[in-house]
Amino acid sequence: MKTLEKETIVELKLRLLRVVNSLMYDDCYTKEHAVNALKDVIRRLDKSEPDI
């Protein structure tokens, strides 16, 4: 099983932090925006770790 590179992990963490931050503080950020952003993170994880 191949592992995620450090850069990829950092990028994914930053994406997740942006989603969380937007949900907490941005009144215009909707659940739909959050769902789409989280789906993108999941897709990236699936591409990098297809065996999981």
C-alpha atoms as a PDB file:
ATOM      1  CA  MET A   1       0.000   0.000   0.000  1.00  0.00           C
ATOM      2  CA  LYS A   2       1.453   3.350  -0.952  1.00  0.00           C
ATOM      3  CA  THR A   3       1.334   6.167   1.565  1.00  0.00           C
ATOM      4  CA  LEU A   4       0.381   9.788   1.160  1.00  0.00           C
ATOM      5  CA  GLU A   5       3.213  12.213   0.716  1.00  0.00           C
ATOM      6  CA  LYS A   6       3.677  14.880   3.369  1.00  0.00           C
ATOM      7  CA  GLU A   7       2.771  17.622   0.909  1.00  0.00           C
ATOM      8  CA  THR A   8      -0.477  15.899   0.037  1.00  0.00           C
ATOM      9  CA  ILE A   9      -1.376  15.452   3.698  1.00  0.00           C
ATOM     10  CA  VAL A  10      -0.704  19.121   4.389  1.00  0.00           C
ATOM     11  CA  GLU A  11      -2.815  20.170   1.395  1.00  0.00           C
ATOM     12  CA  LEU A  12      -5.720  18.006   2.539  1.00  0.00           C
ATOM     13  CA  LYS A  13      -5.485  19.315   6.093  1.00  0.00           C
ATOM     14  CA  LEU A  14      -5.564  22.881   4.794  1.00  0.00           C
ATOM     15  CA  ARG A  15      -8.643  22.097   2.686  1.00  0.00           C
ATOM     16  CA  LEU A  16     -10.405  20.621   5.706  1.00  0.00           C
ATOM     17  CA  LEU A  17      -9.437  23.569   7.903  1.00  0.00           C
ATOM     18  CA  ARG A  18     -10.868  25.974   5.310  1.00  0.00           C
ATOM     19  CA  VAL A  19     -14.167  24.067   5.337  1.00  0.00           C
ATOM     20  CA  VAL A  20     -14.348  24.057   9.137  1.00  0.00           C
ATOM     21  CA  ASN A  21     -13.387  27.718   9.359  1.00  0.00           C
ATOM     22  CA  SER A  22     -15.965  28.696   6.763  1.00  0.00           C
ATOM     23  CA  LEU A  23     -18.699  26.725   8.513  1.00  0.00           C
ATOM     24  CA  MET A  24     -17.873  28.424  11.811  1.00  0.00           C
ATOM     25  CA  TYR A  25     -17.450  32.037  10.705  1.00  0.00           C
ATOM     26  CA  ASP A  26     -18.898  32.651   7.233  1.00  0.00           C
ATOM     27  CA  ASP A  27     -22.649  33.217   7.179  1.00  0.00           C
ATOM     28  CA  CYS A  28     -22.758  32.862   3.380  1.00  0.00           C
ATOM     29  CA  TYR A  29     -21.081  29.442   3.410  1.00  0.00           C
ATOM     30  CA  THR A  30     -23.815  26.842   2.991  1.00  0.00           C
ATOM     31  CA  LYS A  31     -24.078  23.164   3.746  1.00  0.00           C
ATOM     32  CA  GLU A  32     -23.942  22.574  -0.008  1.00  0.00           C
ATOM     33  CA  HIS A  33     -20.572  24.337  -0.197  1.00  0.00           C
ATOM     34  CA  ALA A  34     -19.285  22.241   2.691  1.00  0.00           C
ATOM     35  CA  VAL A  35     -20.563  18.997   1.179  1.00  0.00           C
ATOM     36  CA  ASN A  36     -18.905  19.739  -2.152  1.00  0.00           C
ATOM     37  CA  ALA A  37     -15.607  20.645  -0.483  1.00  0.00           C
ATOM     38  CA  LEU A  38     -15.649  17.490   1.654  1.00  0.00           C
ATOM     39  CA  LYS A  39     -16.484  15.333  -1.374  1.00  0.00           C
ATOM     40  CA  ASP A  40     -13.447  16.834  -3.095  1.00  0.00           C
ATOM     41  CA  VAL A  41     -11.220  15.879  -0.165  1.00  0.00           C
ATOM     42  CA  ILE A  42     -12.627  12.341  -0.200  1.00  0.00           C
ATOM     43  CA  ARG A  43     -12.030  12.053  -3.963  1.00  0.00           C
ATOM     44  CA  ARG A  44      -8.432  13.152  -3.494  1.00  0.00           C
ATOM     45  CA  LEU A  45      -7.941  10.601  -0.725  1.00  0.00           C
ATOM     46  CA  ASP A  46      -9.453   7.888  -2.908  1.00  0.00           C
ATOM     47  CA  LYS A  47      -7.052   8.744  -5.725  1.00  0.00           C
ATOM     48  CA  SER A  48      -4.033   8.702  -3.471  1.00  0.00           C
ATOM     49  CA  GLU A  49      -5.020   5.627  -1.429  1.00  0.00           C
ATOM     50  CA  PRO A  50      -7.236   3.422  -3.640  1.00  0.00           C
ATOM     51  CA  ASP A  51      -6.867   0.386  -1.347  1.00  0.00           C
ATOM     52  CA  ILE A  52      -8.549   2.072   1.624  1.00  0.00           C
END
